Amino acid sequence: MMVQIKDCRDVRIDGPSFLNSPFWAIHLLYSENIDVGNCRIINPPILQHRCLEYRLLPHVLVHDCFADVGDDAFGIKSGRDEEAGR
């Protein structure tokens, strides 16, 4: 991940550009009250190069972002393994 926000609260990401990230550009994990806006994410057209992915997050706002990536632009997941079932 180029940027990973983990176990955080009240985070705002506003205005950066992410180019050619090695994997997901922005990964949000176990955090809450996140605001991601006005971002440009451009990755090569290769599988698994997502723009933004998040798991198990209450109160997330993603707005006014541009994405040109080779996979899903925005991924929303309930978690992995046992946590996904909860």
PDB file of N, CA and C in Angstrom:
ATOM      1  N   MET A   1       0.833  -1.174   0.000  1.00  0.00           N
ATOM      2  CA  MET A   1       0.000   0.000   0.000  1.00  0.00           C
ATOM      3  C   MET A   1       0.882   1.244   0.000  1.00  0.00           C
ATOM      4  N   MET A   2       0.408   2.245  -0.713  1.00  0.00           N
ATOM      5  CA  MET A   2       1.154   3.498  -0.700  1.00  0.00           C
ATOM      6  C   MET A   2       0.874   4.252   0.604  1.00  0.00           C
ATOM      7  N   VAL A   3      -0.401   4.289   0.999  1.00  0.00           N
ATOM      8  CA  VAL A   3      -0.793   4.903   2.273  1.00  0.00           C
ATOM      9  C   VAL A   3      -1.722   3.926   2.975  1.00  0.00           C
ATOM     10  N   GLN A   4      -1.416   3.624   4.227  1.00  0.00           N
ATOM     11  CA  GLN A   4      -2.318   2.790   5.015  1.00  0.00           C
ATOM     12  C   GLN A   4      -2.648   3.528   6.302  1.00  0.00           C
ATOM     13  N   ILE A   5      -3.935   3.683   6.559  1.00  0.00           N
ATOM     14  CA  ILE A   5      -4.424   4.276   7.795  1.00  0.00           C
ATOM     15  C   ILE A   5      -5.002   3.119   8.600  1.00  0.00           C
ATOM     16  N   LYS A   6      -4.410   2.828   9.764  1.00  0.00           N
ATOM     17  CA  LYS A   6      -4.839   1.679  10.554  1.00  0.00           C
ATOM     18  C   LYS A   6      -5.026   2.095  12.014  1.00  0.00           C
ATOM     19  N   ASP A   7      -6.160   1.658  12.590  1.00  0.00           N
ATOM     20  CA  ASP A   7      -6.464   1.938  13.992  1.00  0.00           C
ATOM     21  C   ASP A   7      -6.427   3.435  14.298  1.00  0.00           C
ATOM     22  N   CYS A   8      -7.033   4.220  13.429  1.00  0.00           N
ATOM     23  CA  CYS A   8      -7.040   5.675  13.597  1.00  0.00           C
ATOM     24  C   CYS A   8      -8.465   6.204  13.704  1.00  0.00           C
ATOM     25  N   ARG A   9      -8.566   7.436  14.103  1.00  0.00           N
ATOM     26  CA  ARG A   9      -9.869   8.080  14.251  1.00  0.00           C
ATOM     27  C   ARG A   9      -9.756   9.528  13.790  1.00  0.00           C
ATOM     28  N   ASP A  10     -10.822  10.005  13.135  1.00  0.00           N
ATOM     29  CA  ASP A  10     -10.903  11.409  12.703  1.00  0.00           C
ATOM     30  C   ASP A  10      -9.744  11.791  11.776  1.00  0.00           C
ATOM     31  N   VAL A  11      -9.657  11.115  10.631  1.00  0.00           N
ATOM     32  CA  VAL A  11      -8.599  11.360   9.651  1.00  0.00           C
ATOM     33  C   VAL A  11      -9.198  11.990   8.410  1.00  0.00           C
ATOM     34  N   ARG A  12      -8.500  12.980   7.879  1.00  0.00           N
ATOM     35  CA  ARG A  12      -8.911  13.617   6.624  1.00  0.00           C
ATOM     36  C   ARG A  12      -7.751  13.584   5.641  1.00  0.00           C
ATOM     37  N   ILE A  13      -8.013  13.052   4.458  1.00  0.00           N
ATOM     38  CA  ILE A  13      -7.049  13.057   3.357  1.00  0.00           C
ATOM     39  C   ILE A  13      -7.683  13.904   2.272  1.00  0.00           C
ATOM     40  N   ASP A  14      -7.088  15.051   1.976  1.00  0.00           N
ATOM     41  CA  ASP A  14      -7.721  16.000   1.064  1.00  0.00           C
ATOM     42  C   ASP A  14      -6.720  16.550   0.056  1.00  0.00           C
ATOM     43  N   GLY A  15      -6.878  16.152  -1.205  1.00  0.00           N
ATOM     44  CA  GLY A  15      -6.154  16.784  -2.283  1.00  0.00           C
ATOM     45  C   GLY A  15      -4.915  16.132  -2.852  1.00  0.00           C
ATOM     46  N   PRO A  16      -4.370  15.058  -2.282  1.00  0.00           N
ATOM     47  CA  PRO A  16      -3.131  14.532  -2.863  1.00  0.00           C
ATOM     48  C   PRO A  16      -3.378  13.726  -4.136  1.00  0.00           C
ATOM     49  N   SER A  17      -2.305  13.544  -4.892  1.00  0.00           N
ATOM     50  CA  SER A  17      -2.310  12.658  -6.052  1.00  0.00           C
ATOM     51  C   SER A  17      -1.438  11.459  -5.733  1.00  0.00           C
ATOM     52  N   PHE A  18      -1.889  10.286  -6.152  1.00  0.00           N
ATOM     53  CA  PHE A  18      -1.144   9.054  -5.960  1.00  0.00           C
ATOM     54  C   PHE A  18      -0.904   8.450  -7.337  1.00  0.00           C
ATOM     55  N   LEU A  19       0.362   8.307  -7.722  1.00  0.00           N
ATOM     56  CA  LEU A  19       0.707   7.791  -9.040  1.00  0.00           C
ATOM     57  C   LEU A  19       1.529   6.514  -8.915  1.00  0.00           C
ATOM     58  N   ASN A  20       1.117   5.488  -9.666  1.00  0.00           N
ATOM     59  CA  ASN A  20       1.874   4.243  -9.772  1.00  0.00           C
ATOM     60  C   ASN A  20       2.184   3.606  -8.418  1.00  0.00           C
ATOM     61  N   SER A  21       1.194   3.466  -7.594  1.00  0.00           N
ATOM     62  CA  SER A  21       1.414   2.817  -6.306  1.00  0.00           C
ATOM     63  C   SER A  21       1.725   1.339  -6.532  1.00  0.00           C
ATOM     64  N   PRO A  22       2.512   0.730  -5.644  1.00  0.00           N
ATOM     65  CA  PRO A  22       2.880  -0.672  -5.837  1.00  0.00           C
ATOM     66  C   PRO A  22       1.718  -1.640  -5.639  1.00  0.00           C
ATOM     67  N   PHE A  23       0.674  -1.216  -4.960  1.00  0.00           N
ATOM     68  CA  PHE A  23      -0.493  -2.056  -4.727  1.00  0.00           C
ATOM     69  C   PHE A  23      -1.667  -1.095  -4.586  1.00  0.00           C
ATOM     70  N   TRP A  24      -2.446  -1.183  -3.548  1.00  0.00           N
ATOM     71  CA  TRP A  24      -3.526  -0.222  -3.371  1.00  0.00           C
ATOM     72  C   TRP A  24      -2.931   1.133  -3.050  1.00  0.00           C
ATOM     73  N   ALA A  25      -3.507   2.178  -3.565  1.00  0.00           N
ATOM     74  CA  ALA A  25      -3.002   3.524  -3.281  1.00  0.00           C
ATOM     75  C   ALA A  25      -3.332   3.929  -1.850  1.00  0.00           C
ATOM     76  N   ILE A  26      -4.579   3.732  -1.442  1.00  0.00           N
ATOM     77  CA  ILE A  26      -5.006   4.089  -0.085  1.00  0.00           C
ATOM     78  C   ILE A  26      -5.706   2.875   0.519  1.00  0.00           C
ATOM     79  N   HIS A  27      -5.250   2.454   1.684  1.00  0.00           N
ATOM     80  CA  HIS A  27      -5.861   1.319   2.372  1.00  0.00           C
ATOM     81  C   HIS A  27      -6.274   1.789   3.762  1.00  0.00           C
ATOM     82  N   LEU A  28      -7.547   1.683   4.061  1.00  0.00           N
ATOM     83  CA  LEU A  28      -8.088   2.112   5.348  1.00  0.00           C
ATOM     84  C   LEU A  28      -8.500   0.871   6.119  1.00  0.00           C
ATOM     85  N   LEU A  29      -8.036   0.739   7.351  1.00  0.00           N
ATOM     86  CA  LEU A  29      -8.244  -0.493   8.104  1.00  0.00           C
ATOM     87  C   LEU A  29      -8.498  -0.188   9.572  1.00  0.00           C
ATOM     88  N   TYR A  30      -9.596  -0.718  10.107  1.00  0.00           N
ATOM     89  CA  TYR A  30      -9.935  -0.595  11.532  1.00  0.00           C
ATOM     90  C   TYR A  30      -9.885   0.854  12.032  1.00  0.00           C
ATOM     91  N   SER A  31     -10.419   1.757  11.281  1.00  0.00           N
ATOM     92  CA  SER A  31     -10.430   3.169  11.658  1.00  0.00           C
ATOM     93  C   SER A  31     -11.849   3.697  11.556  1.00  0.00           C
ATOM     94  N   GLU A  32     -12.083   4.894  12.048  1.00  0.00           N
ATOM     95  CA  GLU A  32     -13.424   5.464  11.947  1.00  0.00           C
ATOM     96  C   GLU A  32     -13.354   6.977  11.757  1.00  0.00           C
ATOM     97  N   ASN A  33     -14.456   7.507  11.238  1.00  0.00           N
ATOM     98  CA  ASN A  33     -14.572   8.933  10.920  1.00  0.00           C
ATOM     99  C   ASN A  33     -13.470   9.362   9.951  1.00  0.00           C
ATOM    100  N   ILE A  34     -13.503   8.787   8.759  1.00  0.00           N
ATOM    101  CA  ILE A  34     -12.499   9.046   7.731  1.00  0.00           C
ATOM    102  C   ILE A  34     -13.137   9.843   6.597  1.00  0.00           C
ATOM    103  N   ASP A  35     -12.447  10.875   6.135  1.00  0.00           N
ATOM    104  CA  ASP A  35     -12.901  11.713   5.022  1.00  0.00           C
ATOM    105  C   ASP A  35     -11.789  11.729   3.971  1.00  0.00           C
ATOM    106  N   VAL A  36     -12.067  11.167   2.805  1.00  0.00           N
ATOM    107  CA  VAL A  36     -11.108  11.148   1.706  1.00  0.00           C
ATOM    108  C   VAL A  36     -11.732  11.922   0.553  1.00  0.00           C
ATOM    109  N   GLY A  37     -11.101  13.014   0.137  1.00  0.00           N
ATOM    110  CA  GLY A  37     -11.684  13.818  -0.930  1.00  0.00           C
ATOM    111  C   GLY A  37     -10.657  14.495  -1.808  1.00  0.00           C
ATOM    112  N   ASN A  38     -11.098  14.838  -3.005  1.00  0.00           N
ATOM    113  CA  ASN A  38     -10.296  15.610  -3.958  1.00  0.00           C
ATOM    114  C   ASN A  38      -8.957  14.951  -4.273  1.00  0.00           C
ATOM    115  N   CYS A  39      -8.949  13.626  -4.384  1.00  0.00           N
ATOM    116  CA  CYS A  39      -7.723  12.882  -4.670  1.00  0.00           C
ATOM    117  C   CYS A  39      -7.725  12.404  -6.122  1.00  0.00           C
ATOM    118  N   ARG A  40      -6.524  12.249  -6.668  1.00  0.00           N
ATOM    119  CA  ARG A  40      -6.332  11.638  -7.986  1.00  0.00           C
ATOM    120  C   ARG A  40      -5.480  10.406  -7.782  1.00  0.00           C
ATOM    121  N   ILE A  41      -5.990   9.265  -8.248  1.00  0.00           N
ATOM    122  CA  ILE A  41      -5.254   8.016  -8.123  1.00  0.00           C
ATOM    123  C   ILE A  41      -5.099   7.426  -9.517  1.00  0.00           C
ATOM    124  N   ILE A  42      -3.860   7.298  -9.956  1.00  0.00           N
ATOM    125  CA  ILE A  42      -3.578   6.771 -11.293  1.00  0.00           C
ATOM    126  C   ILE A  42      -2.560   5.645 -11.139  1.00  0.00           C
ATOM    127  N   ASN A  43      -2.982   4.444 -11.510  1.00  0.00           N
ATOM    128  CA  ASN A  43      -2.135   3.259 -11.428  1.00  0.00           C
ATOM    129  C   ASN A  43      -2.109   2.570 -12.784  1.00  0.00           C
ATOM    130  N   PRO A  44      -1.059   1.790 -13.051  1.00  0.00           N
ATOM    131  CA  PRO A  44      -1.012   1.062 -14.321  1.00  0.00           C
ATOM    132  C   PRO A  44      -2.135   0.034 -14.405  1.00  0.00           C
ATOM    133  N   PRO A  45      -2.529  -0.335 -15.621  1.00  0.00           N
ATOM    134  CA  PRO A  45      -3.641  -1.282 -15.797  1.00  0.00           C
ATOM    135  C   PRO A  45      -3.239  -2.727 -15.514  1.00  0.00           C
ATOM    136  N   ILE A  46      -2.876  -3.009 -14.263  1.00  0.00           N
ATOM    137  CA  ILE A  46      -2.488  -4.346 -13.828  1.00  0.00           C
ATOM    138  C   ILE A  46      -3.449  -4.766 -12.723  1.00  0.00           C
ATOM    139  N   LEU A  47      -3.821  -6.019 -12.687  1.00  0.00           N
ATOM    140  CA  LEU A  47      -4.742  -6.481 -11.648  1.00  0.00           C
ATOM    141  C   LEU A  47      -4.227  -6.171 -10.250  1.00  0.00           C
ATOM    142  N   GLN A  48      -5.141  -5.982  -9.338  1.00  0.00           N
ATOM    143  CA  GLN A  48      -4.879  -5.720  -7.929  1.00  0.00           C
ATOM    144  C   GLN A  48      -4.305  -4.331  -7.652  1.00  0.00           C
ATOM    145  N   HIS A  49      -4.358  -3.449  -8.585  1.00  0.00           N
ATOM    146  CA  HIS A  49      -3.931  -2.072  -8.329  1.00  0.00           C
ATOM    147  C   HIS A  49      -5.179  -1.226  -8.140  1.00  0.00           C
ATOM    148  N   ARG A  50      -5.779  -1.351  -6.972  1.00  0.00           N
ATOM    149  CA  ARG A  50      -6.994  -0.615  -6.680  1.00  0.00           C
ATOM    150  C   ARG A  50      -6.667   0.804  -6.258  1.00  0.00           C
ATOM    151  N   CYS A  51      -7.674   1.605  -6.337  1.00  0.00           N
ATOM    152  CA  CYS A  51      -7.546   2.990  -5.928  1.00  0.00           C
ATOM    153  C   CYS A  51      -7.619   3.088  -4.408  1.00  0.00           C
ATOM    154  N   LEU A  52      -8.725   2.633  -3.845  1.00  0.00           N
ATOM    155  CA  LEU A  52      -8.945   2.766  -2.403  1.00  0.00           C
ATOM    156  C   LEU A  52      -9.701   1.546  -1.921  1.00  0.00           C
ATOM    157  N   GLU A  53      -9.260   0.994  -0.813  1.00  0.00           N
ATOM    158  CA  GLU A  53      -9.969  -0.144  -0.239  1.00  0.00           C
ATOM    159  C   GLU A  53     -10.092   0.067   1.256  1.00  0.00           C
ATOM    160  N   TYR A  54     -11.258  -0.294   1.782  1.00  0.00           N
ATOM    161  CA  TYR A  54     -11.386  -0.211   3.233  1.00  0.00           C
ATOM    162  C   TYR A  54     -12.184  -1.370   3.789  1.00  0.00           C
ATOM    163  N   ARG A  55     -11.899  -1.676   5.050  1.00  0.00           N
ATOM    164  CA  ARG A  55     -12.504  -2.807   5.751  1.00  0.00           C
ATOM    165  C   ARG A  55     -12.980  -2.362   7.131  1.00  0.00           C
ATOM    166  N   LEU A  56     -14.164  -2.833   7.484  1.00  0.00           N
ATOM    167  CA  LEU A  56     -14.680  -2.673   8.838  1.00  0.00           C
ATOM    168  C   LEU A  56     -14.620  -1.236   9.347  1.00  0.00           C
ATOM    169  N   LEU A  57     -15.123  -0.301   8.591  1.00  0.00           N
ATOM    170  CA  LEU A  57     -15.019   1.095   8.995  1.00  0.00           C
ATOM    171  C   LEU A  57     -16.380   1.752   9.146  1.00  0.00           C
ATOM    172  N   PRO A  58     -16.665   2.295  10.312  1.00  0.00           N
ATOM    173  CA  PRO A  58     -17.867   3.119  10.442  1.00  0.00           C
ATOM    174  C   PRO A  58     -17.559   4.564  10.060  1.00  0.00           C
ATOM    175  N   HIS A  59     -18.496   5.196   9.430  1.00  0.00           N
ATOM    176  CA  HIS A  59     -18.416   6.617   9.107  1.00  0.00           C
ATOM    177  C   HIS A  59     -17.247   6.966   8.193  1.00  0.00           C
ATOM    178  N   VAL A  60     -17.346   6.530   6.953  1.00  0.00           N
ATOM    179  CA  VAL A  60     -16.343   6.838   5.942  1.00  0.00           C
ATOM    180  C   VAL A  60     -17.010   7.629   4.829  1.00  0.00           C
ATOM    181  N   LEU A  61     -16.373   8.723   4.424  1.00  0.00           N
ATOM    182  CA  LEU A  61     -16.871   9.546   3.330  1.00  0.00           C
ATOM    183  C   LEU A  61     -15.776   9.645   2.277  1.00  0.00           C
ATOM    184  N   VAL A  62     -16.083   9.216   1.056  1.00  0.00           N
ATOM    185  CA  VAL A  62     -15.170   9.338  -0.080  1.00  0.00           C
ATOM    186  C   VAL A  62     -15.888  10.189  -1.111  1.00  0.00           C
ATOM    187  N   HIS A  63     -15.272  11.300  -1.522  1.00  0.00           N
ATOM    188  CA  HIS A  63     -15.961  12.225  -2.430  1.00  0.00           C
ATOM    189  C   HIS A  63     -14.974  12.947  -3.341  1.00  0.00           C
ATOM    190  N   ASP A  64     -15.468  13.305  -4.513  1.00  0.00           N
ATOM    191  CA  ASP A  64     -14.722  14.121  -5.475  1.00  0.00           C
ATOM    192  C   ASP A  64     -13.335  13.570  -5.791  1.00  0.00           C
ATOM    193  N   CYS A  65     -13.245  12.246  -5.972  1.00  0.00           N
ATOM    194  CA  CYS A  65     -11.976  11.604  -6.308  1.00  0.00           C
ATOM    195  C   CYS A  65     -12.008  11.116  -7.756  1.00  0.00           C
ATOM    196  N   PHE A  66     -10.857  11.152  -8.401  1.00  0.00           N
ATOM    197  CA  PHE A  66     -10.690  10.644  -9.758  1.00  0.00           C
ATOM    198  C   PHE A  66      -9.811   9.398  -9.685  1.00  0.00           C
ATOM    199  N   ALA A  67     -10.239   8.317 -10.337  1.00  0.00           N
ATOM    200  CA  ALA A  67      -9.466   7.079 -10.323  1.00  0.00           C
ATOM    201  C   ALA A  67      -9.325   6.524 -11.727  1.00  0.00           C
ATOM    202  N   ASP A  68      -8.102   6.154 -12.092  1.00  0.00           N
ATOM    203  CA  ASP A  68      -7.816   5.463 -13.339  1.00  0.00           C
ATOM    204  C   ASP A  68      -6.876   4.315 -12.972  1.00  0.00           C
ATOM    205  N   VAL A  69      -7.470   3.138 -12.728  1.00  0.00           N
ATOM    206  CA  VAL A  69      -6.699   2.000 -12.241  1.00  0.00           C
ATOM    207  C   VAL A  69      -7.061   0.745 -13.028  1.00  0.00           C
ATOM    208  N   GLY A  70      -6.269  -0.316 -12.850  1.00  0.00           N
ATOM    209  CA  GLY A  70      -6.493  -1.540 -13.608  1.00  0.00           C
ATOM    210  C   GLY A  70      -7.449  -2.521 -12.966  1.00  0.00           C
ATOM    211  N   ASP A  71      -7.914  -2.241 -11.765  1.00  0.00           N
ATOM    212  CA  ASP A  71      -8.803  -3.149 -11.046  1.00  0.00           C
ATOM    213  C   ASP A  71      -9.981  -2.322 -10.546  1.00  0.00           C
ATOM    214  N   ASP A  72     -10.664  -2.830  -9.534  1.00  0.00           N
ATOM    215  CA  ASP A  72     -11.771  -2.065  -8.967  1.00  0.00           C
ATOM    216  C   ASP A  72     -11.245  -0.717  -8.478  1.00  0.00           C
ATOM    217  N   ALA A  73     -11.991   0.312  -8.726  1.00  0.00           N
ATOM    218  CA  ALA A  73     -11.550   1.619  -8.244  1.00  0.00           C
ATOM    219  C   ALA A  73     -11.689   1.700  -6.724  1.00  0.00           C
ATOM    220  N   PHE A  74     -12.842   1.332  -6.200  1.00  0.00           N
ATOM    221  CA  PHE A  74     -13.091   1.437  -4.763  1.00  0.00           C
ATOM    222  C   PHE A  74     -13.594   0.093  -4.258  1.00  0.00           C
ATOM    223  N   GLY A  75     -12.905  -0.474  -3.269  1.00  0.00           N
ATOM    224  CA  GLY A  75     -13.313  -1.749  -2.699  1.00  0.00           C
ATOM    225  C   GLY A  75     -13.793  -1.567  -1.276  1.00  0.00           C
ATOM    226  N   ILE A  76     -14.938  -2.163  -0.971  1.00  0.00           N
ATOM    227  CA  ILE A  76     -15.489  -2.114   0.378  1.00  0.00           C
ATOM    228  C   ILE A  76     -15.620  -3.558   0.843  1.00  0.00           C
ATOM    229  N   LYS A  77     -14.965  -3.896   1.938  1.00  0.00           N
ATOM    230  CA  LYS A  77     -14.966  -5.281   2.410  1.00  0.00           C
ATOM    231  C   LYS A  77     -15.390  -5.344   3.870  1.00  0.00           C
ATOM    232  N   SER A  78     -15.997  -6.461   4.215  1.00  0.00           N
ATOM    233  CA  SER A  78     -16.426  -6.656   5.598  1.00  0.00           C
ATOM    234  C   SER A  78     -15.300  -7.200   6.460  1.00  0.00           C
ATOM    235  N   GLY A  79     -14.198  -7.573   5.883  1.00  0.00           N
ATOM    236  CA  GLY A  79     -13.063  -8.100   6.634  1.00  0.00           C
ATOM    237  C   GLY A  79     -12.536  -9.357   5.975  1.00  0.00           C
ATOM    238  N   ARG A  80     -11.700 -10.078   6.713  1.00  0.00           N
ATOM    239  CA  ARG A  80     -11.123 -11.325   6.212  1.00  0.00           C
ATOM    240  C   ARG A  80     -11.412 -12.454   7.177  1.00  0.00           C
ATOM    241  N   ASP A  81     -11.517 -13.638   6.661  1.00  0.00           N
ATOM    242  CA  ASP A  81     -11.672 -14.852   7.451  1.00  0.00           C
ATOM    243  C   ASP A  81     -12.769 -14.704   8.499  1.00  0.00           C
ATOM    244  N   GLU A  82     -12.452 -14.924   9.797  1.00  0.00           N
ATOM    245  CA  GLU A  82     -13.492 -14.878  10.836  1.00  0.00           C
ATOM    246  C   GLU A  82     -14.118 -13.503  10.992  1.00  0.00           C
ATOM    247  N   GLU A  83     -13.311 -12.447  10.828  1.00  0.00           N
ATOM    248  CA  GLU A  83     -13.857 -11.111  11.039  1.00  0.00           C
ATOM    249  C   GLU A  83     -14.926 -10.763   9.996  1.00  0.00           C
ATOM    250  N   ALA A  84     -14.840 -11.347   8.820  1.00  0.00           N
ATOM    251  CA  ALA A  84     -15.847 -11.090   7.788  1.00  0.00           C
ATOM    252  C   ALA A  84     -17.200 -11.667   8.203  1.00  0.00           C
ATOM    253  N   GLY A  85     -17.171 -12.787   8.889  1.00  0.00           N
ATOM    254  CA  GLY A  85     -18.411 -13.411   9.345  1.00  0.00           C
ATOM    255  C   GLY A  85     -19.074 -12.678  10.489  1.00  0.00           C
ATOM    256  N   ARG A  86     -18.279 -11.969  11.281  1.00  0.00           N
ATOM    257  CA  ARG A  86     -18.835 -11.197  12.394  1.00  0.00           C
ATOM    258  C   ARG A  86     -19.519  -9.988  11.844  1.00  0.00           C
TER     259      ARG A  86
END
